[in-house]
Amino acid sequence: MEETEEETAALMEEKQQQQPFEIERQIRENDDVGSRKNLRERSWNESKKIWEIAAPVILASGSEFSITFVTAAFVGHLGEIEFAAVSVVQNVIEGFVYGVMLGMGSALETLSGQAVGAGRFDMLGIYLQRSFIVTGVTALCLTPFYVFASPFLKLLRQDNEISELAGKYSRWIVPQLFAYAVNSPIQKFLQSQSRVWVMTMISMAALIIHVLLNWIVVTKLKYGIVGAAVAGDISLWLTVLANVVYVTSGCFPAAWTGFSWKAFKSLASFVKLSLASAIMLCLELWYYTAVILMVGWLKHPEIAVDAISICMNLQQWTLMIGFGFHTAISVRVSNELGAGHPRAAKFSIVVSVLTSAFFGILFTVLILATESQFPKMFTDKPVVIRETSKLGYYLAATIFLNSIQAVLLGVAVGAGWQFLVALISVACYYIFGLPVGALLGYGFKLGTQGIWSGLLFGCLFQTIVMSIWMVRANWHKEALQAEDRVKEMETAPDPRQLQ
């Protein structure tokens, strides 16, 4: 009976795809007012579902990113070298490492969302523990990048003085790497169930503590970048401990039943999807790392790095809005595909793109209106302010494109398209964007403006390609694949029981 229903649903979906003009004619025959009312009602209901996830995620991710933002702001007033050193660590070392970490944890985002849609809450705790194993081992393997940051940066031809100070700072923030290894899977566990408000309140409280700690150890006690590093360690680990208590305290009886050896079963399939996610997200984030490195090879690197780091900090801060919609659409698409509702998934994508693009336009206008003012949040050096202001138009355009691209990447995660997006990223960013940036920056002597232009062109190219792909996707087929994926990831029987 179940097979008959699936075949019937497949035929209906195929018929709808083959007869779009007939469907449009039938819709027009309906009462126009009633149709518009139905569309408004559907849009309103979908928007509420998206905002229920996006709003707390925006606040939580904004609070967590603001920890980095606050650190940069406090250190920026210590001096140009200190700010450049911390910026290089944040954008090169952490950009590289967190790209890997975020990717290795993103398999949980796809699987948990689709499991929730299929009603398999019992698998969520197992998925979470598998993700702990993957991200913990990954963090251990990536620790040398922090410990040996100075020689690593010098190998990349960064300024010696900046590299030495950056190495000192990076060794003090190793605890933050392991905090992320625990916290990132917990966040995805909560997001897949749309249970994020407690996590949000914890993140906001940690931000307040972080501001207070930086004011004490950096401004008052004059401990410099070491004080800023320790303040970040304390703030992030307080966040982790609070989230762990929340998850394990009995608030999720169906999803969390305690630690289990089952987490080690079917681990290979989980790692396979994790690697695909890591490749996709690393290629996205490492591109920004490559841009920072290219800027570091210009003349007067401390000024150029400061300028582009200020812009990237602002861009990443505004991207927290986009990240909220990225998470929301990932959850909505994975839930709807897991439940076998492909048309609902498509409608959710449209609503998310339009909403996120609205905020992209808003931030674009704000950047353009404060072109000569926003750099003053980070520095009081006239030469840095002047150099940063030159990037205002490029920053504004990038912010707008990222508001759309964030949603498209969320759709890819929700549908399990990570490997495909990785291939698109290679073509758009590394084969096209970086060479264009290098040509304009070095060949045409445009400096930071030329290098950022390459980033902008790569981002535009990827947004167009991904948009075309998603419009042409067979969403009914994606729903069937989501069902197969959940079954594949179910705990396999103990081999000893089969003997």
Protein backbone atom coordinates (compact mmCIF):
# COMPACT_ATOMS: atom_id res chain seq x y z
CA MET A 1 0.00 0.00 0.00
CA GLU A 2 2.80 2.38 0.87
CA GLU A 3 4.50 1.74 -2.48
CA THR A 4 1.20 2.48 -4.29
CA GLU A 5 0.84 5.81 -2.49
CA GLU A 6 4.44 6.77 -3.32
CA GLU A 7 3.93 5.85 -6.99
CA THR A 8 0.69 7.84 -7.08
CA ALA A 9 2.42 10.86 -5.54
CA ALA A 10 5.26 10.54 -8.06
CA LEU A 11 2.81 10.45 -11.00
CA MET A 12 0.95 13.48 -9.67
CA GLU A 13 4.17 15.44 -9.26
CA GLU A 14 5.33 14.43 -12.75
CA LYS A 15 1.97 15.45 -14.21
CA GLN A 16 2.21 18.83 -12.52
CA GLN A 17 5.70 19.36 -13.93
CA GLN A 18 4.61 18.35 -17.46
CA GLN A 19 1.46 20.50 -17.50
CA PRO A 20 2.44 23.91 -16.04
CA PHE A 21 0.21 25.85 -18.45
CA GLU A 22 -2.84 23.74 -17.58
CA ILE A 23 -2.23 24.40 -13.87
CA GLU A 24 -1.92 28.15 -14.51
CA ARG A 25 -5.22 28.12 -16.45
CA GLN A 26 -7.00 26.37 -13.58
CA ILE A 27 -5.62 28.86 -11.08
CA ARG A 28 -6.81 31.81 -13.17
CA GLU A 29 -10.30 30.30 -13.27
CA ASN A 30 -10.48 30.52 -9.47
CA ASP A 31 -11.70 33.63 -7.74
CA ASP A 32 -8.84 36.14 -8.05
CA VAL A 33 -9.40 37.67 -4.64
CA GLY A 34 -9.52 34.25 -2.97
CA SER A 35 -6.30 33.18 -4.73
CA ARG A 36 -4.46 36.30 -3.59
CA LYS A 37 -5.79 35.81 -0.08
CA ASN A 38 -4.60 32.19 -0.08
CA LEU A 39 -1.14 33.24 -1.29
CA ARG A 40 -0.93 35.94 1.39
CA GLU A 41 -1.99 33.45 4.04
CA ARG A 42 0.55 30.86 2.92
CA SER A 43 3.29 33.48 2.76
CA TRP A 44 2.43 34.78 6.22
CA ASN A 45 2.38 31.28 7.73
CA GLU A 46 5.68 30.33 6.10
CA SER A 47 7.25 33.62 7.13
CA LYS A 48 6.27 32.95 10.75
CA LYS A 49 7.85 29.49 10.61
CA ILE A 50 11.05 30.94 9.18
CA TRP A 51 11.24 33.77 11.71
CA GLU A 52 10.62 31.38 14.60
CA ILE A 53 13.94 29.77 13.70
CA ALA A 54 15.79 32.72 12.16
CA ALA A 55 15.18 35.35 14.85
CA PRO A 56 16.77 33.50 17.78
CA VAL A 57 19.55 32.17 15.53
CA ILE A 58 20.33 35.72 14.37
CA LEU A 59 20.56 36.85 17.98
CA ALA A 60 22.62 33.82 19.01
CA SER A 61 25.02 33.86 16.07
CA GLY A 62 25.23 37.67 16.25
CA SER A 63 26.14 37.43 19.92
CA GLU A 64 28.77 34.76 19.27
CA PHE A 65 30.30 36.61 16.35
CA SER A 66 30.20 39.81 18.36
CA ILE A 67 32.65 38.16 20.74
CA THR A 68 35.15 38.27 17.87
CA PHE A 69 33.89 41.72 16.89
CA VAL A 70 34.35 43.04 20.45
CA THR A 71 37.83 41.53 20.67
CA ALA A 72 38.83 43.26 17.42
CA ALA A 73 37.34 46.56 18.59
CA PHE A 74 39.24 46.53 21.93
CA VAL A 75 42.51 45.38 20.36
CA GLY A 76 42.14 47.91 17.53
CA HIS A 77 42.78 50.71 20.00
CA LEU A 78 46.03 49.15 21.22
CA GLY A 79 47.86 49.85 17.95
CA GLU A 80 48.09 49.04 14.25
CA ILE A 81 50.39 46.03 14.71
CA GLU A 82 48.24 44.50 17.46
CA PHE A 83 45.08 44.94 15.42
CA ALA A 84 46.71 43.51 12.29
CA ALA A 85 48.02 40.50 14.27
CA VAL A 86 44.64 39.64 15.78
CA SER A 87 42.92 40.26 12.43
CA VAL A 88 45.28 37.86 10.66
CA VAL A 89 44.57 35.18 13.28
CA GLN A 90 40.81 35.72 13.03
CA ASN A 91 40.73 35.75 9.24
CA VAL A 92 43.54 33.35 8.32
CA ILE A 93 44.08 30.85 11.17
CA GLU A 94 40.53 30.82 12.55
CA GLY A 95 39.06 31.28 9.08
CA PHE A 96 40.91 28.16 7.91
CA VAL A 97 40.30 26.08 11.03
CA TYR A 98 36.66 27.04 11.63
CA GLY A 99 35.91 26.37 7.98
CA VAL A 100 36.95 22.76 8.53
CA MET A 101 35.16 22.55 11.88
CA LEU A 102 31.93 24.07 10.60
CA GLY A 103 31.94 21.74 7.62
CA MET A 104 32.62 18.61 9.65
CA GLY A 105 29.69 19.49 11.89
CA SER A 106 27.28 20.38 9.09
CA ALA A 107 26.36 16.77 8.32
CA LEU A 108 24.40 16.96 11.57
CA GLU A 109 22.41 19.87 10.15
CA THR A 110 21.26 17.85 7.13
CA LEU A 111 20.59 14.59 8.95
CA SER A 112 18.91 16.00 12.06
CA GLY A 113 16.56 18.20 10.06
CA GLN A 114 15.50 15.33 7.80
CA ALA A 115 15.12 13.00 10.81
CA VAL A 116 12.82 15.51 12.50
CA GLY A 117 10.75 15.78 9.33
CA ALA A 118 10.46 11.99 9.23
CA GLY A 119 9.51 11.85 12.92
CA ARG A 120 12.69 9.97 13.92
CA PHE A 121 13.54 11.98 17.06
CA ASP A 122 15.24 8.92 18.56
CA MET A 123 18.11 9.37 16.08
CA LEU A 124 18.94 12.96 17.07
CA GLY A 125 20.93 12.09 20.19
CA ILE A 126 22.89 9.45 18.25
CA TYR A 127 23.65 11.94 15.46
CA LEU A 128 24.77 14.50 18.06
CA GLN A 129 27.21 12.09 19.65
CA ARG A 130 28.60 11.07 16.24
CA SER A 131 29.17 14.74 15.51
CA PHE A 132 31.00 15.17 18.86
CA ILE A 133 33.36 12.38 17.83
CA VAL A 134 33.99 13.89 14.40
CA THR A 135 34.48 17.50 15.54
CA GLY A 136 36.58 16.49 18.57
CA VAL A 137 39.03 14.49 16.48
CA THR A 138 39.07 17.27 13.88
CA ALA A 139 39.90 19.90 16.54
CA LEU A 140 42.77 17.77 17.82
CA CYS A 141 44.19 17.45 14.30
CA LEU A 142 43.92 21.22 13.71
CA THR A 143 45.55 22.33 16.97
CA PRO A 144 49.07 22.56 15.39
CA PHE A 145 47.84 25.43 13.19
CA TYR A 146 47.38 27.46 16.40
CA VAL A 147 50.57 26.31 18.08
CA PHE A 148 52.75 26.97 15.03
CA ALA A 149 50.88 30.00 13.71
CA SER A 150 53.98 32.22 13.49
CA PRO A 151 56.06 30.00 11.16
CA PHE A 152 52.89 29.15 9.22
CA LEU A 153 52.16 32.84 8.56
CA LYS A 154 55.80 33.56 7.69
CA LEU A 155 55.68 30.67 5.22
CA LEU A 156 52.76 32.51 3.62
CA ARG A 157 54.99 35.60 3.34
CA GLN A 158 53.21 37.66 5.96
CA ASP A 159 55.01 40.49 7.78
CA ASN A 160 57.46 39.13 10.43
CA GLU A 161 56.40 41.44 13.25
CA ILE A 162 52.71 40.78 12.63
CA SER A 163 53.36 37.02 12.39
CA GLU A 164 55.22 36.88 15.72
CA LEU A 165 52.48 38.71 17.58
CA ALA A 166 49.80 36.68 15.83
CA GLY A 167 51.51 33.45 16.94
CA LYS A 168 51.48 34.59 20.55
CA TYR A 169 47.77 35.40 20.38
CA SER A 170 46.82 32.16 18.58
CA ARG A 171 48.47 29.94 21.22
CA TRP A 172 46.32 31.53 23.89
CA ILE A 173 43.06 30.87 22.04
CA VAL A 174 43.49 27.09 21.58
CA PRO A 175 40.72 26.49 24.20
CA GLN A 176 38.29 28.31 21.89
CA LEU A 177 38.86 25.66 19.20
CA PHE A 178 37.70 22.85 21.50
CA ALA A 179 34.82 24.96 22.79
CA TYR A 180 33.63 25.27 19.20
CA ALA A 181 34.00 21.50 18.68
CA VAL A 182 31.43 20.92 21.42
CA ASN A 183 29.15 23.92 20.89
CA SER A 184 28.64 23.70 17.12
CA PRO A 185 26.99 20.23 17.16
CA ILE A 186 24.78 21.26 20.09
CA GLN A 187 23.57 24.29 18.16
CA LYS A 188 22.58 22.18 15.15
CA PHE A 189 20.87 19.66 17.46
CA LEU A 190 18.74 22.48 18.87
CA GLN A 191 18.15 24.24 15.56
CA SER A 192 16.81 21.11 13.85
CA GLN A 193 14.05 20.99 16.49
CA SER A 194 13.43 24.77 16.43
CA ARG A 195 14.40 24.90 20.11
CA VAL A 196 16.85 27.80 20.09
CA TRP A 197 15.64 30.51 22.46
CA VAL A 198 17.51 29.17 25.50
CA MET A 199 20.67 28.90 23.40
CA THR A 200 20.10 32.49 22.29
CA MET A 201 19.79 33.80 25.84
CA ILE A 202 22.97 31.96 26.82
CA SER A 203 24.86 33.51 23.89
CA MET A 204 23.66 37.02 24.71
CA ALA A 205 24.67 36.61 28.36
CA ALA A 206 28.12 35.39 27.25
CA LEU A 207 28.52 38.49 25.06
CA ILE A 208 27.79 40.81 27.98
CA ILE A 209 30.35 38.92 30.09
CA HIS A 210 32.88 39.16 27.24
CA VAL A 211 32.52 42.93 26.93
CA LEU A 212 33.00 43.30 30.69
CA LEU A 213 36.04 41.00 30.71
CA ASN A 214 37.70 42.87 27.83
CA TRP A 215 37.08 46.20 29.50
CA ILE A 216 38.75 44.89 32.66
CA VAL A 217 41.74 42.97 31.25
CA VAL A 218 42.49 45.01 28.09
CA THR A 219 41.48 48.58 28.97
CA LYS A 220 41.97 48.71 32.74
CA LEU A 221 44.61 46.06 33.55
CA LYS A 222 46.53 46.59 30.26
CA TYR A 223 47.10 42.88 29.54
CA GLY A 224 46.95 43.54 25.80
CA ILE A 225 46.21 40.78 23.29
CA VAL A 226 46.84 38.02 25.84
CA GLY A 227 44.10 39.48 28.04
CA ALA A 228 41.78 39.64 25.02
CA ALA A 229 42.51 35.98 24.23
CA VAL A 230 41.79 34.79 27.77
CA ALA A 231 38.57 36.81 27.87
CA GLY A 232 37.44 35.01 24.71
CA ASP A 233 38.36 31.60 26.19
CA ILE A 234 36.29 32.22 29.31
CA SER A 235 33.28 33.61 27.43
CA LEU A 236 33.07 30.72 24.95
CA TRP A 237 33.51 27.98 27.53
CA LEU A 238 30.80 29.48 29.70
CA THR A 239 28.53 29.27 26.64
CA VAL A 240 29.47 25.62 26.06
CA LEU A 241 28.88 24.55 29.66
CA ALA A 242 25.48 26.24 29.80
CA ASN A 243 24.36 24.60 26.52
CA VAL A 244 25.55 21.15 27.63
CA VAL A 245 23.54 21.46 30.85
CA TYR A 246 20.47 22.49 28.85
CA VAL A 247 20.66 19.51 26.46
CA THR A 248 21.39 16.86 29.11
CA SER A 249 19.02 18.12 31.83
CA GLY A 250 15.96 16.23 30.60
CA CYS A 251 14.46 18.93 28.37
CA PHE A 252 14.70 16.60 25.33
CA PRO A 253 13.41 13.19 26.51
CA ALA A 254 12.69 11.90 22.99
CA ALA A 255 15.93 13.15 21.40
CA TRP A 256 18.49 12.76 24.21
CA THR A 257 18.52 9.50 26.15
CA GLY A 258 22.13 9.62 27.32
CA PHE A 259 25.47 8.63 25.88
CA SER A 260 25.47 5.42 23.85
CA TRP A 261 27.93 3.16 22.06
CA LYS A 262 25.53 3.29 19.11
CA ALA A 263 27.19 6.57 18.18
CA PHE A 264 30.16 4.58 16.86
CA LYS A 265 27.98 2.54 14.49
CA SER A 266 27.36 3.75 10.91
CA LEU A 267 30.08 6.32 11.61
CA ALA A 268 31.65 5.91 8.15
CA SER A 269 28.51 7.18 6.36
CA PHE A 270 28.31 10.10 8.76
CA VAL A 271 31.97 11.00 8.16
CA LYS A 272 31.43 10.80 4.39
CA LEU A 273 28.66 13.39 4.50
CA SER A 274 30.70 15.46 6.98
CA LEU A 275 33.64 15.56 4.57
CA ALA A 276 31.37 16.74 1.74
CA SER A 277 30.02 19.48 4.02
CA ALA A 278 33.55 20.43 5.09
CA ILE A 279 34.72 20.75 1.50
CA MET A 280 31.73 22.94 0.60
CA LEU A 281 32.06 25.34 3.55
CA CYS A 282 35.85 25.39 3.57
CA LEU A 283 35.96 26.50 -0.03
CA GLU A 284 33.57 29.34 0.88
CA LEU A 285 35.46 30.50 3.99
CA TRP A 286 38.99 29.89 2.73
CA TYR A 287 38.38 32.26 -0.13
CA TYR A 288 38.23 35.10 2.40
CA THR A 289 41.42 33.75 3.95
CA ALA A 290 43.07 33.85 0.53
CA VAL A 291 41.96 37.47 0.09
CA ILE A 292 43.57 38.44 3.44
CA LEU A 293 46.80 36.71 2.40
CA MET A 294 46.83 38.48 -0.96
CA VAL A 295 46.36 41.83 0.78
CA GLY A 296 49.27 40.95 3.08
CA TRP A 297 51.54 40.83 0.04
CA LEU A 298 50.84 44.45 -0.91
CA LYS A 299 53.04 47.38 0.07
CA HIS A 300 52.39 48.70 3.60
CA PRO A 301 50.60 45.47 4.60
CA GLU A 302 49.66 46.65 8.10
CA ILE A 303 47.46 49.41 6.64
CA ALA A 304 46.00 47.23 3.87
CA VAL A 305 45.28 44.33 6.25
CA ASP A 306 43.68 46.69 8.78
CA ALA A 307 41.43 48.21 6.10
CA ILE A 308 40.20 44.97 4.59
CA SER A 309 39.85 43.35 8.03
CA ILE A 310 37.53 46.15 9.15
CA CYS A 311 35.38 45.58 6.06
CA MET A 312 35.34 41.82 6.57
CA ASN A 313 34.40 42.21 10.22
CA LEU A 314 31.44 44.38 9.23
CA GLN A 315 30.51 42.07 6.37
CA GLN A 316 30.56 39.04 8.67
CA TRP A 317 28.56 40.89 11.29
CA THR A 318 25.82 41.77 8.77
CA LEU A 319 26.02 38.19 7.51
CA MET A 320 24.63 37.09 10.88
CA ILE A 321 21.22 38.10 9.51
CA GLY A 322 21.87 35.98 6.46
CA PHE A 323 23.13 33.15 8.66
CA GLY A 324 19.84 33.21 10.53
CA PHE A 325 17.98 32.65 7.27
CA HIS A 326 20.63 30.13 6.19
CA THR A 327 19.83 28.07 9.28
CA ALA A 328 16.09 28.61 9.01
CA ILE A 329 15.86 27.52 5.38
CA SER A 330 18.17 24.58 6.05
CA VAL A 331 15.83 23.41 8.80
CA ARG A 332 12.66 24.10 6.78
CA VAL A 333 13.94 22.38 3.62
CA SER A 334 15.30 19.36 5.49
CA ASN A 335 12.12 19.06 7.58
CA GLU A 336 9.82 19.32 4.56
CA LEU A 337 11.88 16.95 2.42
CA GLY A 338 12.08 14.49 5.31
CA ALA A 339 8.29 14.67 5.66
CA GLY A 340 7.81 14.19 1.90
CA HIS A 341 6.56 17.73 1.12
CA PRO A 342 8.69 18.98 -1.82
CA ARG A 343 6.31 21.80 -2.85
CA ALA A 344 6.34 23.22 0.68
CA ALA A 345 10.16 23.19 0.56
CA LYS A 346 10.14 25.17 -2.71
CA PHE A 347 7.72 27.75 -1.34
CA SER A 348 9.85 28.18 1.78
CA ILE A 349 12.90 28.92 -0.38
CA VAL A 350 11.11 31.75 -2.19
CA VAL A 351 9.94 33.38 1.06
CA SER A 352 13.42 33.08 2.63
CA VAL A 353 15.25 34.56 -0.36
CA LEU A 354 12.92 37.57 -0.54
CA THR A 355 13.13 38.24 3.20
CA SER A 356 16.90 37.91 3.41
CA ALA A 357 17.38 40.07 0.29
CA PHE A 358 15.35 42.84 1.96
CA PHE A 359 17.84 42.96 4.81
CA GLY A 360 20.70 42.84 2.33
CA ILE A 361 19.35 45.98 0.67
CA LEU A 362 18.93 47.66 4.05
CA PHE A 363 22.54 47.00 5.10
CA THR A 364 23.80 48.05 1.67
CA VAL A 365 22.12 51.44 2.06
CA LEU A 366 23.53 51.86 5.58
CA ILE A 367 27.09 51.13 4.46
CA LEU A 368 26.85 53.57 1.57
CA ALA A 369 25.36 56.25 3.85
CA THR A 370 28.18 55.87 6.42
CA GLU A 371 31.04 55.27 4.01
CA SER A 372 33.44 57.60 5.80
CA GLN A 373 32.19 56.89 9.33
CA PHE A 374 32.00 53.12 9.88
CA PRO A 375 35.83 52.62 9.98
CA LYS A 376 35.97 54.80 13.12
CA MET A 377 34.38 51.98 15.14
CA PHE A 378 37.67 50.09 14.82
CA THR A 379 40.41 52.66 14.50
CA ASP A 380 41.25 56.31 14.98
CA LYS A 381 44.17 56.28 12.49
CA PRO A 382 43.36 58.65 9.57
CA VAL A 383 45.31 56.60 7.02
CA VAL A 384 43.42 53.40 7.91
CA ILE A 385 40.07 55.23 7.92
CA ARG A 386 40.81 56.67 4.48
CA GLU A 387 41.88 53.30 3.03
CA THR A 388 38.84 51.53 4.49
CA SER A 389 36.42 54.14 3.15
CA LYS A 390 37.64 53.40 -0.38
CA LEU A 391 36.21 49.89 -0.03
CA GLY A 392 32.71 51.09 0.94
CA TYR A 393 31.04 50.43 -2.44
CA TYR A 394 32.65 47.01 -2.78
CA LEU A 395 31.59 46.10 0.76
CA ALA A 396 28.00 47.21 0.13
CA ALA A 397 27.69 45.11 -3.05
CA THR A 398 29.17 42.05 -1.33
CA ILE A 399 26.77 42.36 1.60
CA PHE A 400 23.79 42.36 -0.77
CA LEU A 401 24.98 39.29 -2.69
CA ASN A 402 25.78 37.43 0.53
CA SER A 403 22.22 38.02 1.80
CA ILE A 404 20.97 35.90 -1.11
CA GLN A 405 23.85 33.47 -1.20
CA ALA A 406 23.46 32.59 2.50
CA VAL A 407 19.94 31.31 1.82
CA LEU A 408 21.07 29.33 -1.24
CA LEU A 409 23.79 27.63 0.82
CA GLY A 410 21.22 26.83 3.49
CA VAL A 411 19.06 25.15 0.86
CA ALA A 412 22.08 23.11 -0.25
CA VAL A 413 22.73 21.92 3.32
CA GLY A 414 19.06 21.09 3.90
CA ALA A 415 18.88 19.07 0.69
CA GLY A 416 22.29 17.41 1.09
CA TRP A 417 23.92 19.02 -1.96
CA GLN A 418 27.21 19.84 -0.24
CA PHE A 419 29.51 18.15 -2.73
CA LEU A 420 27.81 19.78 -5.72
CA VAL A 421 28.16 23.25 -4.16
CA ALA A 422 31.84 22.51 -3.50
CA LEU A 423 32.39 22.01 -7.23
CA ILE A 424 30.54 25.24 -8.01
CA SER A 425 32.68 27.10 -5.43
CA VAL A 426 35.91 25.84 -6.99
CA ALA A 427 34.87 27.15 -10.39
CA CYS A 428 33.47 30.49 -9.23
CA TYR A 429 35.98 31.46 -6.56
CA TYR A 430 39.26 29.71 -7.27
CA ILE A 431 39.28 29.34 -11.05
CA PHE A 432 37.58 32.69 -11.71
CA GLY A 433 37.54 35.00 -8.64
CA LEU A 434 41.11 34.71 -7.33
CA PRO A 435 42.86 35.16 -10.71
CA VAL A 436 40.66 38.19 -11.44
CA GLY A 437 41.47 39.66 -8.02
CA ALA A 438 45.20 39.05 -8.49
CA LEU A 439 45.16 40.59 -11.97
CA LEU A 440 43.31 43.72 -10.83
CA GLY A 441 45.17 44.05 -7.51
CA TYR A 442 48.72 43.47 -8.72
CA GLY A 443 48.66 43.74 -12.52
CA PHE A 444 46.50 46.88 -12.71
CA LYS A 445 47.86 48.27 -9.41
CA LEU A 446 44.38 48.61 -7.84
CA GLY A 447 45.52 47.16 -4.49
CA THR A 448 42.81 46.20 -2.01
CA GLN A 449 40.07 47.45 -4.34
CA GLY A 450 41.22 45.16 -7.13
CA ILE A 451 41.57 42.14 -4.84
CA TRP A 452 38.08 42.72 -3.40
CA SER A 453 36.70 43.07 -6.95
CA GLY A 454 37.77 39.48 -7.62
CA LEU A 455 35.89 38.40 -4.48
CA LEU A 456 32.82 40.28 -5.65
CA PHE A 457 32.84 38.75 -9.14
CA GLY A 458 33.28 35.25 -7.71
CA CYS A 459 30.37 35.77 -5.33
CA LEU A 460 28.13 37.05 -8.14
CA PHE A 461 29.04 34.14 -10.41
CA GLN A 462 28.26 31.57 -7.70
CA THR A 463 24.94 33.20 -6.79
CA ILE A 464 23.79 33.05 -10.43
CA VAL A 465 24.85 29.42 -10.93
CA MET A 466 23.24 28.21 -7.69
CA SER A 467 20.02 30.09 -8.41
CA ILE A 468 19.71 28.43 -11.83
CA TRP A 469 20.42 25.01 -10.33
CA MET A 470 17.75 25.34 -7.64
CA VAL A 471 15.11 26.58 -10.08
CA ARG A 472 15.68 23.52 -12.26
CA ALA A 473 15.92 20.96 -9.41
CA ASN A 474 13.49 18.02 -9.17
CA TRP A 475 12.24 18.50 -5.62
CA HIS A 476 10.09 15.38 -5.56
CA LYS A 477 13.21 13.34 -6.25
CA GLU A 478 15.00 15.20 -3.45
CA ALA A 479 12.24 14.21 -1.01
CA LEU A 480 12.68 10.53 -1.92
CA GLN A 481 16.45 10.82 -1.46
CA ALA A 482 15.94 12.40 1.96
CA GLU A 483 13.87 9.37 3.02
CA ASP A 484 16.62 7.03 1.80
CA ARG A 485 19.28 9.05 3.62
CA VAL A 486 17.49 8.79 6.97
CA LYS A 487 17.15 5.02 6.54
CA GLU A 488 20.83 4.69 5.61
CA MET A 489 21.92 6.59 8.73
CA GLU A 490 19.83 4.49 11.12
CA THR A 491 21.89 2.53 13.61
CA ALA A 492 23.16 -0.61 11.97
CA PRO A 493 22.78 -3.95 13.76
CA ASP A 494 25.70 -5.22 15.82
CA PRO A 495 27.83 -7.47 13.52
CA ARG A 496 28.26 -9.93 16.40
CA GLN A 497 24.48 -10.48 16.38
CA LEU A 498 24.59 -11.51 12.73
CA GLN A 499 27.07 -14.33 13.29
